[in-house]
Amino acid sequence: MSVISFNKLRDTRERPDAQFVRMDEHGRAIYLFALEYKMGLSTWSAKIWAYSFEDAEMRVKAMRESLTVCGQLHASIRA
């Protein structure tokens, strides 16, 4: 996945498209952020939900300290 920054082209006060914004249980907006990491010669990506860019950075910091593999996913059930 490649992340393209349109900040210079788009008014940054605008909300992202609806598919990239959710509301939490308290009615606060939470946004989808892209992450990127390198392993060997390859670049990989992941996604997280966070309340702001700063919150996303704090979550990445917490991941560096405590991230672990829980298991392989086999199915998804909508709530």
PDB file of N, CA and C in Angstrom:
ATOM      1  N   MET A   1       0.851  -1.170   0.000  1.00  0.00           N
ATOM      2  CA  MET A   1       0.000   0.000   0.000  1.00  0.00           C
ATOM      3  C   MET A   1       0.893   1.227   0.000  1.00  0.00           C
ATOM      4  N   SER A   2       0.585   2.186  -0.818  1.00  0.00           N
ATOM      5  CA  SER A   2       1.286   3.462  -0.830  1.00  0.00           C
ATOM      6  C   SER A   2       0.355   4.534  -0.298  1.00  0.00           C
ATOM      7  N   VAL A   3       0.882   5.389   0.550  1.00  0.00           N
ATOM      8  CA  VAL A   3       0.100   6.486   1.115  1.00  0.00           C
ATOM      9  C   VAL A   3       0.448   7.749   0.353  1.00  0.00           C
ATOM     10  N   ILE A   4      -0.559   8.374  -0.198  1.00  0.00           N
ATOM     11  CA  ILE A   4      -0.375   9.606  -0.960  1.00  0.00           C
ATOM     12  C   ILE A   4      -0.944  10.753  -0.135  1.00  0.00           C
ATOM     13  N   SER A   5      -0.155  11.774   0.098  1.00  0.00           N
ATOM     14  CA  SER A   5      -0.612  12.918   0.876  1.00  0.00           C
ATOM     15  C   SER A   5      -1.189  13.977  -0.061  1.00  0.00           C
ATOM     16  N   PHE A   6      -2.455  14.267   0.131  1.00  0.00           N
ATOM     17  CA  PHE A   6      -3.117  15.301  -0.663  1.00  0.00           C
ATOM     18  C   PHE A   6      -3.302  16.591   0.133  1.00  0.00           C
ATOM     19  N   ASN A   7      -2.589  16.725   1.252  1.00  0.00           N
ATOM     20  CA  ASN A   7      -2.777  17.886   2.123  1.00  0.00           C
ATOM     21  C   ASN A   7      -2.619  19.217   1.396  1.00  0.00           C
ATOM     22  N   LYS A   8      -1.716  19.282   0.432  1.00  0.00           N
ATOM     23  CA  LYS A   8      -1.519  20.543  -0.282  1.00  0.00           C
ATOM     24  C   LYS A   8      -2.652  20.809  -1.269  1.00  0.00           C
ATOM     25  N   LEU A   9      -3.334  19.750  -1.693  1.00  0.00           N
ATOM     26  CA  LEU A   9      -4.406  19.893  -2.668  1.00  0.00           C
ATOM     27  C   LEU A   9      -5.787  19.998  -2.019  1.00  0.00           C
ATOM     28  N   ARG A  10      -5.928  19.467  -0.826  1.00  0.00           N
ATOM     29  CA  ARG A  10      -7.219  19.376  -0.164  1.00  0.00           C
ATOM     30  C   ARG A  10      -7.219  20.234   1.095  1.00  0.00           C
ATOM     31  N   ASP A  11      -8.319  20.857   1.375  1.00  0.00           N
ATOM     32  CA  ASP A  11      -8.460  21.644   2.591  1.00  0.00           C
ATOM     33  C   ASP A  11      -8.405  20.677   3.774  1.00  0.00           C
ATOM     34  N   THR A  12      -7.353  20.777   4.613  1.00  0.00           N
ATOM     35  CA  THR A  12      -7.162  19.833   5.706  1.00  0.00           C
ATOM     36  C   THR A  12      -8.214  19.975   6.802  1.00  0.00           C
ATOM     37  N   ARG A  13      -9.032  21.010   6.756  1.00  0.00           N
ATOM     38  CA  ARG A  13     -10.123  21.145   7.724  1.00  0.00           C
ATOM     39  C   ARG A  13     -11.308  20.279   7.330  1.00  0.00           C
ATOM     40  N   GLU A  14     -11.312  19.786   6.099  1.00  0.00           N
ATOM     41  CA  GLU A  14     -12.365  18.898   5.625  1.00  0.00           C
ATOM     42  C   GLU A  14     -12.255  17.558   6.316  1.00  0.00           C
ATOM     43  N   ARG A  15     -13.384  16.924   6.538  1.00  0.00           N
ATOM     44  CA  ARG A  15     -13.370  15.574   7.090  1.00  0.00           C
ATOM     45  C   ARG A  15     -12.997  14.588   5.988  1.00  0.00           C
ATOM     46  N   PRO A  16     -12.333  13.502   6.384  1.00  0.00           N
ATOM     47  CA  PRO A  16     -12.044  12.450   5.397  1.00  0.00           C
ATOM     48  C   PRO A  16     -13.344  11.838   4.886  1.00  0.00           C
ATOM     49  N   ASP A  17     -13.260  11.079   3.799  1.00  0.00           N
ATOM     50  CA  ASP A  17     -14.423  10.374   3.282  1.00  0.00           C
ATOM     51  C   ASP A  17     -15.008   9.487   4.375  1.00  0.00           C
ATOM     52  N   ALA A  18     -16.301   9.237   4.313  1.00  0.00           N
ATOM     53  CA  ALA A  18     -17.036   8.526   5.365  1.00  0.00           C
ATOM     54  C   ALA A  18     -16.455   7.165   5.698  1.00  0.00           C
ATOM     55  N   GLN A  19     -15.907   6.456   4.730  1.00  0.00           N
ATOM     56  CA  GLN A  19     -15.375   5.119   5.004  1.00  0.00           C
ATOM     57  C   GLN A  19     -14.135   5.138   5.885  1.00  0.00           C
ATOM     58  N   PHE A  20     -13.543   6.324   6.087  1.00  0.00           N
ATOM     59  CA  PHE A  20     -12.342   6.449   6.898  1.00  0.00           C
ATOM     60  C   PHE A  20     -12.606   7.126   8.239  1.00  0.00           C
ATOM     61  N   VAL A  21     -13.877   7.287   8.598  1.00  0.00           N
ATOM     62  CA  VAL A  21     -14.259   7.906   9.872  1.00  0.00           C
ATOM     63  C   VAL A  21     -15.349   7.056  10.501  1.00  0.00           C
ATOM     64  N   ARG A  22     -15.218   6.814  11.794  1.00  0.00           N
ATOM     65  CA  ARG A  22     -16.256   6.125  12.576  1.00  0.00           C
ATOM     66  C   ARG A  22     -16.534   6.945  13.822  1.00  0.00           C
ATOM     67  N   MET A  23     -17.614   6.613  14.485  1.00  0.00           N
ATOM     68  CA  MET A  23     -17.916   7.238  15.766  1.00  0.00           C
ATOM     69  C   MET A  23     -17.719   6.188  16.852  1.00  0.00           C
ATOM     70  N   ASP A  24     -17.040   6.559  17.938  1.00  0.00           N
ATOM     71  CA  ASP A  24     -16.866   5.615  19.032  1.00  0.00           C
ATOM     72  C   ASP A  24     -18.136   5.578  19.882  1.00  0.00           C
ATOM     73  N   GLU A  25     -18.112   4.793  20.952  1.00  0.00           N
ATOM     74  CA  GLU A  25     -19.302   4.642  21.794  1.00  0.00           C
ATOM     75  C   GLU A  25     -19.704   5.915  22.529  1.00  0.00           C
ATOM     76  N   HIS A  26     -18.816   6.922  22.542  1.00  0.00           N
ATOM     77  CA  HIS A  26     -19.112   8.211  23.176  1.00  0.00           C
ATOM     78  C   HIS A  26     -19.449   9.296  22.157  1.00  0.00           C
ATOM     79  N   GLY A  27     -19.558   8.906  20.887  1.00  0.00           N
ATOM     80  CA  GLY A  27     -19.905   9.867  19.847  1.00  0.00           C
ATOM     81  C   GLY A  27     -18.736  10.669  19.314  1.00  0.00           C
ATOM     82  N   ARG A  28     -17.514  10.291  19.666  1.00  0.00           N
ATOM     83  CA  ARG A  28     -16.327  10.992  19.166  1.00  0.00           C
ATOM     84  C   ARG A  28     -15.860  10.357  17.866  1.00  0.00           C
ATOM     85  N   ALA A  29     -15.407  11.189  16.938  1.00  0.00           N
ATOM     86  CA  ALA A  29     -14.911  10.688  15.658  1.00  0.00           C
ATOM     87  C   ALA A  29     -13.564  10.007  15.846  1.00  0.00           C
ATOM     88  N   ILE A  30     -13.386   8.881  15.168  1.00  0.00           N
ATOM     89  CA  ILE A  30     -12.124   8.156  15.163  1.00  0.00           C
ATOM     90  C   ILE A  30     -11.774   7.889  13.694  1.00  0.00           C
ATOM     91  N   TYR A  31     -10.510   8.056  13.346  1.00  0.00           N
ATOM     92  CA  TYR A  31     -10.085   8.071  11.948  1.00  0.00           C
ATOM     93  C   TYR A  31      -9.155   6.904  11.641  1.00  0.00           C
ATOM     94  N   LEU A  32      -9.145   6.468  10.389  1.00  0.00           N
ATOM     95  CA  LEU A  32      -8.282   5.386   9.941  1.00  0.00           C
ATOM     96  C   LEU A  32      -6.927   5.952   9.500  1.00  0.00           C
ATOM     97  N   PHE A  33      -5.849   5.381  10.024  1.00  0.00           N
ATOM     98  CA  PHE A  33      -4.492   5.798   9.686  1.00  0.00           C
ATOM     99  C   PHE A  33      -3.738   4.627   9.086  1.00  0.00           C
ATOM    100  N   ALA A  34      -2.862   4.897   8.147  1.00  0.00           N
ATOM    101  CA  ALA A  34      -2.007   3.884   7.535  1.00  0.00           C
ATOM    102  C   ALA A  34      -0.667   3.869   8.259  1.00  0.00           C
ATOM    103  N   LEU A  35      -0.145   2.662   8.469  1.00  0.00           N
ATOM    104  CA  LEU A  35       1.180   2.469   9.053  1.00  0.00           C
ATOM    105  C   LEU A  35       2.049   1.768   8.020  1.00  0.00           C
ATOM    106  N   GLU A  36       3.342   1.981   8.105  1.00  0.00           N
ATOM    107  CA  GLU A  36       4.259   1.336   7.176  1.00  0.00           C
ATOM    108  C   GLU A  36       5.495   0.894   7.946  1.00  0.00           C
ATOM    109  N   TYR A  37       5.993  -0.305   7.626  1.00  0.00           N
ATOM    110  CA  TYR A  37       7.216  -0.792   8.256  1.00  0.00           C
ATOM    111  C   TYR A  37       8.018  -1.614   7.253  1.00  0.00           C
ATOM    112  N   LYS A  38       9.293  -1.747   7.550  1.00  0.00           N
ATOM    113  CA  LYS A  38      10.181  -2.492   6.671  1.00  0.00           C
ATOM    114  C   LYS A  38      10.596  -3.785   7.361  1.00  0.00           C
ATOM    115  N   MET A  39      10.654  -4.863   6.577  1.00  0.00           N
ATOM    116  CA  MET A  39      11.133  -6.138   7.060  1.00  0.00           C
ATOM    117  C   MET A  39      11.978  -6.734   5.938  1.00  0.00           C
ATOM    118  N   GLY A  40      13.269  -6.835   6.199  1.00  0.00           N
ATOM    119  CA  GLY A  40      14.177  -7.256   5.144  1.00  0.00           C
ATOM    120  C   GLY A  40      14.197  -6.206   4.041  1.00  0.00           C
ATOM    121  N   LEU A  41      14.018  -6.647   2.801  1.00  0.00           N
ATOM    122  CA  LEU A  41      14.009  -5.725   1.672  1.00  0.00           C
ATOM    123  C   LEU A  41      12.601  -5.265   1.301  1.00  0.00           C
ATOM    124  N   SER A  42      11.604  -5.736   2.045  1.00  0.00           N
ATOM    125  CA  SER A  42      10.208  -5.427   1.715  1.00  0.00           C
ATOM    126  C   SER A  42       9.638  -4.346   2.626  1.00  0.00           C
ATOM    127  N   THR A  43       8.666  -3.620   2.101  1.00  0.00           N
ATOM    128  CA  THR A  43       7.913  -2.644   2.880  1.00  0.00           C
ATOM    129  C   THR A  43       6.497  -3.165   3.023  1.00  0.00           C
ATOM    130  N   TRP A  44       5.988  -3.178   4.240  1.00  0.00           N
ATOM    131  CA  TRP A  44       4.667  -3.703   4.565  1.00  0.00           C
ATOM    132  C   TRP A  44       3.804  -2.598   5.160  1.00  0.00           C
ATOM    133  N   SER A  45       2.505  -2.840   5.245  1.00  0.00           N
ATOM    134  CA  SER A  45       1.616  -1.818   5.796  1.00  0.00           C
ATOM    135  C   SER A  45       0.576  -2.455   6.713  1.00  0.00           C
ATOM    136  N   ALA A  46      -0.009  -1.610   7.523  1.00  0.00           N
ATOM    137  CA  ALA A  46      -1.088  -2.004   8.426  1.00  0.00           C
ATOM    138  C   ALA A  46      -1.973  -0.780   8.617  1.00  0.00           C
ATOM    139  N   LYS A  47      -3.128  -0.982   9.232  1.00  0.00           N
ATOM    140  CA  LYS A  47      -4.050   0.131   9.484  1.00  0.00           C
ATOM    141  C   LYS A  47      -4.442   0.124  10.951  1.00  0.00           C
ATOM    142  N   ILE A  48      -4.646   1.320  11.504  1.00  0.00           N
ATOM    143  CA  ILE A  48      -5.176   1.443  12.859  1.00  0.00           C
ATOM    144  C   ILE A  48      -6.198   2.579  12.890  1.00  0.00           C
ATOM    145  N   TRP A  49      -7.070   2.522  13.859  1.00  0.00           N
ATOM    146  CA  TRP A  49      -8.012   3.604  14.116  1.00  0.00           C
ATOM    147  C   TRP A  49      -7.487   4.423  15.277  1.00  0.00           C
ATOM    148  N   ALA A  50      -7.528   5.757  15.141  1.00  0.00           N
ATOM    149  CA  ALA A  50      -7.050   6.656  16.194  1.00  0.00           C
ATOM    150  C   ALA A  50      -7.849   7.964  16.136  1.00  0.00           C
ATOM    151  N   TYR A  51      -7.827   8.697  17.242  1.00  0.00           N
ATOM    152  CA  TYR A  51      -8.594   9.941  17.336  1.00  0.00           C
ATOM    153  C   TYR A  51      -7.929  11.121  16.650  1.00  0.00           C
ATOM    154  N   SER A  52      -6.610  11.062  16.474  1.00  0.00           N
ATOM    155  CA  SER A  52      -5.862  12.152  15.836  1.00  0.00           C
ATOM    156  C   SER A  52      -4.511  11.604  15.397  1.00  0.00           C
ATOM    157  N   PHE A  53      -3.755  12.411  14.672  1.00  0.00           N
ATOM    158  CA  PHE A  53      -2.412  12.002  14.269  1.00  0.00           C
ATOM    159  C   PHE A  53      -1.554  11.737  15.501  1.00  0.00           C
ATOM    160  N   GLU A  54      -1.674  12.600  16.504  1.00  0.00           N
ATOM    161  CA  GLU A  54      -0.898  12.437  17.734  1.00  0.00           C
ATOM    162  C   GLU A  54      -1.289  11.145  18.447  1.00  0.00           C
ATOM    163  N   ASP A  55      -2.579  10.839  18.483  1.00  0.00           N
ATOM    164  CA  ASP A  55      -3.045   9.599  19.082  1.00  0.00           C
ATOM    165  C   ASP A  55      -2.503   8.399  18.310  1.00  0.00           C
ATOM    166  N   ALA A  56      -2.484   8.484  16.995  1.00  0.00           N
ATOM    167  CA  ALA A  56      -1.923   7.400  16.179  1.00  0.00           C
ATOM    168  C   ALA A  56      -0.447   7.195  16.511  1.00  0.00           C
ATOM    169  N   GLU A  57       0.307   8.280  16.670  1.00  0.00           N
ATOM    170  CA  GLU A  57       1.719   8.164  17.032  1.00  0.00           C
ATOM    171  C   GLU A  57       1.886   7.511  18.401  1.00  0.00           C
ATOM    172  N   MET A  58       1.029   7.852  19.363  1.00  0.00           N
ATOM    173  CA  MET A  58       1.097   7.247  20.695  1.00  0.00           C
ATOM    174  C   MET A  58       0.780   5.755  20.628  1.00  0.00           C
ATOM    175  N   ARG A  59      -0.172   5.381  19.783  1.00  0.00           N
ATOM    176  CA  ARG A  59      -0.515   3.963  19.626  1.00  0.00           C
ATOM    177  C   ARG A  59       0.639   3.187  19.007  1.00  0.00           C
ATOM    178  N   VAL A  60       1.327   3.786  18.035  1.00  0.00           N
ATOM    179  CA  VAL A  60       2.494   3.133  17.436  1.00  0.00           C
ATOM    180  C   VAL A  60       3.588   2.966  18.484  1.00  0.00           C
ATOM    181  N   LYS A  61       3.785   3.968  19.315  1.00  0.00           N
ATOM    182  CA  LYS A  61       4.786   3.865  20.391  1.00  0.00           C
ATOM    183  C   LYS A  61       4.435   2.717  21.326  1.00  0.00           C
ATOM    184  N   ALA A  62       3.169   2.608  21.693  1.00  0.00           N
ATOM    185  CA  ALA A  62       2.730   1.510  22.565  1.00  0.00           C
ATOM    186  C   ALA A  62       2.942   0.166  21.866  1.00  0.00           C
ATOM    187  N   MET A  63       2.720   0.112  20.560  1.00  0.00           N
ATOM    188  CA  MET A  63       2.945  -1.132  19.819  1.00  0.00           C
ATOM    189  C   MET A  63       4.413  -1.528  19.872  1.00  0.00           C
ATOM    190  N   ARG A  64       5.309  -0.545  19.733  1.00  0.00           N
ATOM    191  CA  ARG A  64       6.745  -0.852  19.784  1.00  0.00           C
ATOM    192  C   ARG A  64       7.113  -1.518  21.111  1.00  0.00           C
ATOM    193  N   GLU A  65       6.420  -1.124  22.170  1.00  0.00           N
ATOM    194  CA  GLU A  65       6.741  -1.627  23.503  1.00  0.00           C
ATOM    195  C   GLU A  65       6.040  -2.940  23.843  1.00  0.00           C
ATOM    196  N   SER A  66       4.871  -3.208  23.227  1.00  0.00           N
ATOM    197  CA  SER A  66       4.101  -4.353  23.726  1.00  0.00           C
ATOM    198  C   SER A  66       3.383  -5.187  22.667  1.00  0.00           C
ATOM    199  N   LEU A  67       3.584  -4.930  21.397  1.00  0.00           N
ATOM    200  CA  LEU A  67       2.865  -5.662  20.352  1.00  0.00           C
ATOM    201  C   LEU A  67       3.230  -7.139  20.375  1.00  0.00           C
ATOM    202  N   THR A  68       2.229  -7.997  20.223  1.00  0.00           N
ATOM    203  CA  THR A  68       2.441  -9.428  20.191  1.00  0.00           C
ATOM    204  C   THR A  68       1.448 -10.068  19.223  1.00  0.00           C
ATOM    205  N   VAL A  69       1.774 -11.233  18.727  1.00  0.00           N
ATOM    206  CA  VAL A  69       0.877 -11.966  17.837  1.00  0.00           C
ATOM    207  C   VAL A  69      -0.097 -12.761  18.710  1.00  0.00           C
ATOM    208  N   CYS A  70      -1.387 -12.582  18.480  1.00  0.00           N
ATOM    209  CA  CYS A  70      -2.406 -13.304  19.238  1.00  0.00           C
ATOM    210  C   CYS A  70      -2.819 -14.598  18.552  1.00  0.00           C
ATOM    211  N   GLY A  71      -2.714 -14.647  17.252  1.00  0.00           N
ATOM    212  CA  GLY A  71      -3.096 -15.842  16.506  1.00  0.00           C
ATOM    213  C   GLY A  71      -3.529 -15.470  15.104  1.00  0.00           C
ATOM    214  N   GLN A  72      -3.726 -16.480  14.275  1.00  0.00           N
ATOM    215  CA  GLN A  72      -4.155 -16.280  12.884  1.00  0.00           C
ATOM    216  C   GLN A  72      -5.658 -16.105  12.837  1.00  0.00           C
ATOM    217  N   LEU A  73      -6.145 -15.179  12.021  1.00  0.00           N
ATOM    218  CA  LEU A  73      -7.565 -14.954  11.848  1.00  0.00           C
ATOM    219  C   LEU A  73      -8.107 -15.919  10.797  1.00  0.00           C
ATOM    220  N   HIS A  74      -9.295 -16.451  11.065  1.00  0.00           N
ATOM    221  CA  HIS A  74      -9.911 -17.413  10.151  1.00  0.00           C
ATOM    222  C   HIS A  74     -11.269 -16.968   9.636  1.00  0.00           C
ATOM    223  N   ALA A  75     -11.921 -16.066  10.364  1.00  0.00           N
ATOM    224  CA  ALA A  75     -13.260 -15.620   9.959  1.00  0.00           C
ATOM    225  C   ALA A  75     -13.558 -14.298  10.645  1.00  0.00           C
ATOM    226  N   SER A  76     -14.556 -13.631  10.124  1.00  0.00           N
ATOM    227  CA  SER A  76     -15.015 -12.378  10.701  1.00  0.00           C
ATOM    228  C   SER A  76     -16.533 -12.409  10.776  1.00  0.00           C
ATOM    229  N   ILE A  77     -17.069 -12.049  11.931  1.00  0.00           N
ATOM    230  CA  ILE A  77     -18.520 -12.028  12.127  1.00  0.00           C
ATOM    231  C   ILE A  77     -18.918 -10.598  12.463  1.00  0.00           C
ATOM    232  N   ARG A  78     -19.830 -10.063  11.680  1.00  0.00           N
ATOM    233  CA  ARG A  78     -20.278  -8.689  11.937  1.00  0.00           C
ATOM    234  C   ARG A  78     -21.125  -8.648  13.187  1.00  0.00           C
ATOM    235  N   ALA A  79     -20.906  -7.632  13.996  1.00  0.00           N
ATOM    236  CA  ALA A  79     -21.670  -7.482  15.245  1.00  0.00           C
ATOM    237  C   ALA A  79     -23.035  -6.901  14.983  1.00  0.00           C
TER     238      ALA A  79
END
